[in-house]
Amino acid sequence: STFLGIIPGAVVYTSVGAGLGQVFE
């Protein structure tokens, strides 16, 4: 339940992290 339940929030914040290169620039 932990693994599956945290997927939605984790995907959102991970995708934010994936765009940090542009944020840093």
PDB file of all heavy atoms in Angstrom:
ATOM      1  N   SER A   1       0.824  -1.210   0.000  1.00  0.00           N
ATOM      2  CA  SER A   1       0.000   0.000   0.000  1.00  0.00           C
ATOM      3  C   SER A   1       0.859   1.261   0.000  1.00  0.00           C
ATOM      4  O   SER A   1       0.492   2.269  -0.605  1.00  0.00           O
ATOM      5  CB  SER A   1      -0.948   0.003   1.207  1.00  0.00           C
ATOM      6  OG  SER A   1      -0.211  -0.007   2.421  1.00  0.00           O
ATOM      7  N   THR A   2       2.012   1.205   0.662  1.00  0.00           N
ATOM      8  CA  THR A   2       2.923   2.353   0.659  1.00  0.00           C
ATOM      9  C   THR A   2       3.488   2.578  -0.733  1.00  0.00           C
ATOM     10  O   THR A   2       3.471   3.702  -1.252  1.00  0.00           O
ATOM     11  CB  THR A   2       4.067   2.139   1.663  1.00  0.00           C
ATOM     12  OG1 THR A   2       3.540   2.036   2.984  1.00  0.00           O
ATOM     13  CG2 THR A   2       5.048   3.306   1.612  1.00  0.00           C
ATOM     14  N   PHE A   3       4.007   1.513  -1.341  1.00  0.00           N
ATOM     15  CA  PHE A   3       4.617   1.627  -2.664  1.00  0.00           C
ATOM     16  C   PHE A   3       3.631   2.186  -3.680  1.00  0.00           C
ATOM     17  O   PHE A   3       3.938   3.132  -4.420  1.00  0.00           O
ATOM     18  CB  PHE A   3       5.132   0.259  -3.117  1.00  0.00           C
ATOM     19  CG  PHE A   3       5.881   0.298  -4.419  1.00  0.00           C
ATOM     20  CD1 PHE A   3       7.248   0.512  -4.425  1.00  0.00           C
ATOM     21  CD2 PHE A   3       5.230   0.122  -5.628  1.00  0.00           C
ATOM     22  CE1 PHE A   3       7.949   0.551  -5.626  1.00  0.00           C
ATOM     23  CE2 PHE A   3       5.916   0.162  -6.829  1.00  0.00           C
ATOM     24  CZ  PHE A   3       7.283   0.377  -6.833  1.00  0.00           C
ATOM     25  N   LEU A   4       2.428   1.619  -3.723  1.00  0.00           N
ATOM     26  CA  LEU A   4       1.432   2.059  -4.707  1.00  0.00           C
ATOM     27  C   LEU A   4       0.816   3.400  -4.334  1.00  0.00           C
ATOM     28  O   LEU A   4       0.541   4.231  -5.204  1.00  0.00           O
ATOM     29  CB  LEU A   4       0.335   1.001  -4.849  1.00  0.00           C
ATOM     30  CG  LEU A   4       0.776  -0.367  -5.373  1.00  0.00           C
ATOM     31  CD1 LEU A   4      -0.407  -1.336  -5.409  1.00  0.00           C
ATOM     32  CD2 LEU A   4       1.408  -0.240  -6.753  1.00  0.00           C
ATOM     33  N   GLY A   5       0.620   3.624  -3.021  1.00  0.00           N
ATOM     34  CA  GLY A   5      -0.062   4.835  -2.587  1.00  0.00           C
ATOM     35  C   GLY A   5       0.738   6.109  -2.760  1.00  0.00           C
ATOM     36  O   GLY A   5       0.156   7.189  -2.936  1.00  0.00           O
ATOM     37  N   ILE A   6       2.077   6.009  -2.732  1.00  0.00           N
ATOM     38  CA  ILE A   6       2.887   7.222  -2.850  1.00  0.00           C
ATOM     39  C   ILE A   6       3.281   7.514  -4.299  1.00  0.00           C
ATOM     40  O   ILE A   6       3.911   8.541  -4.562  1.00  0.00           O
ATOM     41  CB  ILE A   6       4.156   7.145  -1.974  1.00  0.00           C
ATOM     42  CG1 ILE A   6       5.105   6.038  -2.457  1.00  0.00           C
ATOM     43  CG2 ILE A   6       3.785   6.951  -0.513  1.00  0.00           C
ATOM     44  CD1 ILE A   6       6.404   5.971  -1.668  1.00  0.00           C
ATOM     45  N   ILE A   7       2.904   6.638  -5.214  1.00  0.00           N
ATOM     46  CA  ILE A   7       3.291   6.848  -6.613  1.00  0.00           C
ATOM     47  C   ILE A   7       2.776   8.171  -7.179  1.00  0.00           C
ATOM     48  O   ILE A   7       3.556   8.907  -7.811  1.00  0.00           O
ATOM     49  CB  ILE A   7       2.835   5.661  -7.488  1.00  0.00           C
ATOM     50  CG1 ILE A   7       3.749   4.452  -7.238  1.00  0.00           C
ATOM     51  CG2 ILE A   7       2.860   6.023  -8.971  1.00  0.00           C
ATOM     52  CD1 ILE A   7       3.336   3.204  -7.996  1.00  0.00           C
ATOM     53  N   PRO A   8       1.487   8.524  -7.000  1.00  0.00           N
ATOM     54  CA  PRO A   8       1.018   9.787  -7.616  1.00  0.00           C
ATOM     55  C   PRO A   8       1.824  11.007  -7.199  1.00  0.00           C
ATOM     56  O   PRO A   8       2.291  11.777  -8.050  1.00  0.00           O
ATOM     57  CB  PRO A   8      -0.440   9.884  -7.141  1.00  0.00           C
ATOM     58  CG  PRO A   8      -0.855   8.467  -6.903  1.00  0.00           C
ATOM     59  CD  PRO A   8       0.369   7.799  -6.348  1.00  0.00           C
ATOM     60  N   GLY A   9       2.000  11.198  -5.892  1.00  0.00           N
ATOM     61  CA  GLY A   9       2.757  12.354  -5.426  1.00  0.00           C
ATOM     62  C   GLY A   9       4.211  12.294  -5.837  1.00  0.00           C
ATOM     63  O   GLY A   9       4.806  13.319  -6.198  1.00  0.00           O
ATOM     64  N   ALA A  10       4.789  11.086  -5.802  1.00  0.00           N
ATOM     65  CA  ALA A  10       6.192  10.946  -6.173  1.00  0.00           C
ATOM     66  C   ALA A  10       6.419  11.283  -7.641  1.00  0.00           C
ATOM     67  O   ALA A  10       7.416  11.922  -7.998  1.00  0.00           O
ATOM     68  CB  ALA A  10       6.673   9.520  -5.878  1.00  0.00           C
ATOM     69  N   VAL A  11       5.515  10.863  -8.500  1.00  0.00           N
ATOM     70  CA  VAL A  11       5.656  11.157  -9.927  1.00  0.00           C
ATOM     71  C   VAL A  11       5.590  12.655 -10.171  1.00  0.00           C
ATOM     72  O   VAL A  11       6.362  13.209 -10.973  1.00  0.00           O
ATOM     73  CB  VAL A  11       4.580  10.420 -10.739  1.00  0.00           C
ATOM     74  CG1 VAL A  11       4.554  10.922 -12.179  1.00  0.00           C
ATOM     75  CG2 VAL A  11       4.836   8.917 -10.724  1.00  0.00           C
ATOM     76  N   VAL A  12       4.681  13.340  -9.477  1.00  0.00           N
ATOM     77  CA  VAL A  12       4.547  14.789  -9.650  1.00  0.00           C
ATOM     78  C   VAL A  12       5.845  15.494  -9.261  1.00  0.00           C
ATOM     79  O   VAL A  12       6.397  16.298 -10.032  1.00  0.00           O
ATOM     80  CB  VAL A  12       3.372  15.333  -8.808  1.00  0.00           C
ATOM     81  CG1 VAL A  12       3.366  16.865  -8.830  1.00  0.00           C
ATOM     82  CG2 VAL A  12       2.051  14.805  -9.329  1.00  0.00           C
ATOM     83  N   TYR A  13       6.356  15.205  -8.068  1.00  0.00           N
ATOM     84  CA  TYR A  13       7.551  15.900  -7.595  1.00  0.00           C
ATOM     85  C   TYR A  13       8.800  15.463  -8.359  1.00  0.00           C
ATOM     86  O   TYR A  13       9.727  16.254  -8.555  1.00  0.00           O
ATOM     87  CB  TYR A  13       7.739  15.671  -6.094  1.00  0.00           C
ATOM     88  CG  TYR A  13       6.797  16.495  -5.259  1.00  0.00           C
ATOM     89  CD1 TYR A  13       5.946  15.906  -4.331  1.00  0.00           C
ATOM     90  CD2 TYR A  13       6.754  17.873  -5.401  1.00  0.00           C
ATOM     91  CE1 TYR A  13       5.079  16.662  -3.559  1.00  0.00           C
ATOM     92  CE2 TYR A  13       5.891  18.640  -4.639  1.00  0.00           C
ATOM     93  CZ  TYR A  13       5.055  18.031  -3.726  1.00  0.00           C
ATOM     94  OH  TYR A  13       4.195  18.779  -2.979  1.00  0.00           O
ATOM     95  N   THR A  14       8.841  14.207  -8.804  1.00  0.00           N
ATOM     96  CA  THR A  14       9.973  13.762  -9.608  1.00  0.00           C
ATOM     97  C   THR A  14       9.998  14.500 -10.944  1.00  0.00           C
ATOM     98  O   THR A  14      11.068  14.872 -11.447  1.00  0.00           O
ATOM     99  CB  THR A  14       9.913  12.246  -9.852  1.00  0.00           C
ATOM    100  OG1 THR A  14       9.828  11.558  -8.598  1.00  0.00           O
ATOM    101  CG2 THR A  14      11.166  11.758 -10.578  1.00  0.00           C
ATOM    102  N   SER A  15       8.812  14.699 -11.520  1.00  0.00           N
ATOM    103  CA  SER A  15       8.745  15.431 -12.790  1.00  0.00           C
ATOM    104  C   SER A  15       9.173  16.879 -12.608  1.00  0.00           C
ATOM    105  O   SER A  15       9.798  17.474 -13.503  1.00  0.00           O
ATOM    106  CB  SER A  15       7.321  15.364 -13.370  1.00  0.00           C
ATOM    107  OG  SER A  15       6.393  16.041 -12.541  1.00  0.00           O
ATOM    108  N   VAL A  16       8.852  17.466 -11.444  1.00  0.00           N
ATOM    109  CA  VAL A  16       9.342  18.819 -11.141  1.00  0.00           C
ATOM    110  C   VAL A  16      10.863  18.802 -11.085  1.00  0.00           C
ATOM    111  O   VAL A  16      11.539  19.691 -11.626  1.00  0.00           O
ATOM    112  CB  VAL A  16       8.759  19.328  -9.809  1.00  0.00           C
ATOM    113  CG1 VAL A  16       9.411  20.649  -9.410  1.00  0.00           C
ATOM    114  CG2 VAL A  16       7.247  19.505  -9.921  1.00  0.00           C
ATOM    115  N   GLY A  17      11.417  17.785 -10.426  1.00  0.00           N
ATOM    116  CA  GLY A  17      12.867  17.676 -10.356  1.00  0.00           C
ATOM    117  C   GLY A  17      13.513  17.493 -11.717  1.00  0.00           C
ATOM    118  O   GLY A  17      14.606  18.009 -11.969  1.00  0.00           O
ATOM    119  N   ALA A  18      12.816  16.772 -12.614  1.00  0.00           N
ATOM    120  CA  ALA A  18      13.368  16.555 -13.956  1.00  0.00           C
ATOM    121  C   ALA A  18      13.495  17.856 -14.734  1.00  0.00           C
ATOM    122  O   ALA A  18      14.298  17.948 -15.672  1.00  0.00           O
ATOM    123  CB  ALA A  18      12.487  15.569 -14.715  1.00  0.00           C
ATOM    124  N   GLY A  19      12.723  18.867 -14.357  1.00  0.00           N
ATOM    125  CA  GLY A  19      12.797  20.159 -15.040  1.00  0.00           C
ATOM    126  C   GLY A  19      13.646  21.189 -14.322  1.00  0.00           C
ATOM    127  O   GLY A  19      13.622  22.379 -14.684  1.00  0.00           O
ATOM    128  N   LEU A  20      14.405  20.748 -13.330  1.00  0.00           N
ATOM    129  CA  LEU A  20      15.195  21.701 -12.542  1.00  0.00           C
ATOM    130  C   LEU A  20      16.313  22.354 -13.344  1.00  0.00           C
ATOM    131  O   LEU A  20      16.755  23.447 -12.993  1.00  0.00           O
ATOM    132  CB  LEU A  20      15.796  21.003 -11.313  1.00  0.00           C
ATOM    133  CG  LEU A  20      14.856  20.791 -10.129  1.00  0.00           C
ATOM    134  CD1 LEU A  20      15.600  20.130  -8.979  1.00  0.00           C
ATOM    135  CD2 LEU A  20      14.243  22.107  -9.669  1.00  0.00           C
ATOM    136  N   GLY A  21      16.777  21.686 -14.408  1.00  0.00           N
ATOM    137  CA  GLY A  21      17.836  22.293 -15.214  1.00  0.00           C
ATOM    138  C   GLY A  21      17.423  23.656 -15.735  1.00  0.00           C
ATOM    139  O   GLY A  21      18.184  24.633 -15.642  1.00  0.00           O
ATOM    140  N   GLN A  22      16.215  23.754 -16.258  1.00  0.00           N
ATOM    141  CA  GLN A  22      15.711  25.031 -16.762  1.00  0.00           C
ATOM    142  C   GLN A  22      15.460  26.013 -15.629  1.00  0.00           C
ATOM    143  O   GLN A  22      15.668  27.225 -15.789  1.00  0.00           O
ATOM    144  CB  GLN A  22      14.426  24.792 -17.554  1.00  0.00           C
ATOM    145  CG  GLN A  22      14.618  23.916 -18.788  1.00  0.00           C
ATOM    146  CD  GLN A  22      13.313  23.643 -19.498  1.00  0.00           C
ATOM    147  OE1 GLN A  22      12.234  23.974 -18.996  1.00  0.00           O
ATOM    148  NE2 GLN A  22      13.394  23.031 -20.667  1.00  0.00           N
ATOM    149  N   VAL A  23      15.011  25.492 -14.481  1.00  0.00           N
ATOM    150  CA  VAL A  23      14.777  26.355 -13.321  1.00  0.00           C
ATOM    151  C   VAL A  23      16.099  26.977 -12.864  1.00  0.00           C
ATOM    152  O   VAL A  23      16.167  28.174 -12.561  1.00  0.00           O
ATOM    153  CB  VAL A  23      14.131  25.553 -12.167  1.00  0.00           C
ATOM    154  CG1 VAL A  23      14.029  26.415 -10.904  1.00  0.00           C
ATOM    155  CG2 VAL A  23      12.760  25.047 -12.577  1.00  0.00           C
ATOM    156  N   PHE A  24      17.155  26.174 -12.822  1.00  0.00           N
ATOM    157  CA  PHE A  24      18.467  26.691 -12.420  1.00  0.00           C
ATOM    158  C   PHE A  24      18.959  27.758 -13.394  1.00  0.00           C
ATOM    159  O   PHE A  24      19.531  28.775 -12.977  1.00  0.00           O
ATOM    160  CB  PHE A  24      19.480  25.553 -12.349  1.00  0.00           C
ATOM    161  CG  PHE A  24      19.251  24.597 -11.203  1.00  0.00           C
ATOM    162  CD1 PHE A  24      19.419  23.231 -11.377  1.00  0.00           C
ATOM    163  CD2 PHE A  24      18.875  25.066  -9.961  1.00  0.00           C
ATOM    164  CE1 PHE A  24      19.225  22.356 -10.337  1.00  0.00           C
ATOM    165  CE2 PHE A  24      18.663  24.195  -8.899  1.00  0.00           C
ATOM    166  CZ  PHE A  24      18.838  22.842  -9.093  1.00  0.00           C
ATOM    167  N   GLU A  25      18.745  27.534 -14.670  1.00  0.00           N
ATOM    168  CA  GLU A  25      19.194  28.492 -15.675  1.00  0.00           C
ATOM    169  C   GLU A  25      18.492  29.841 -15.518  1.00  0.00           C
ATOM    170  O   GLU A  25      19.081  30.892 -15.771  1.00  0.00           O
ATOM    171  CB  GLU A  25      18.949  27.932 -17.073  1.00  0.00           C
ATOM    172  CG  GLU A  25      19.837  26.743 -17.428  1.00  0.00           C
ATOM    173  CD  GLU A  25      19.510  26.185 -18.803  1.00  0.00           C
ATOM    174  OE1 GLU A  25      18.593  26.747 -19.461  1.00  0.00           O
ATOM    175  OE2 GLU A  25      20.141  25.199 -19.219  1.00  0.00           O
TER     176      GLU A  25
END
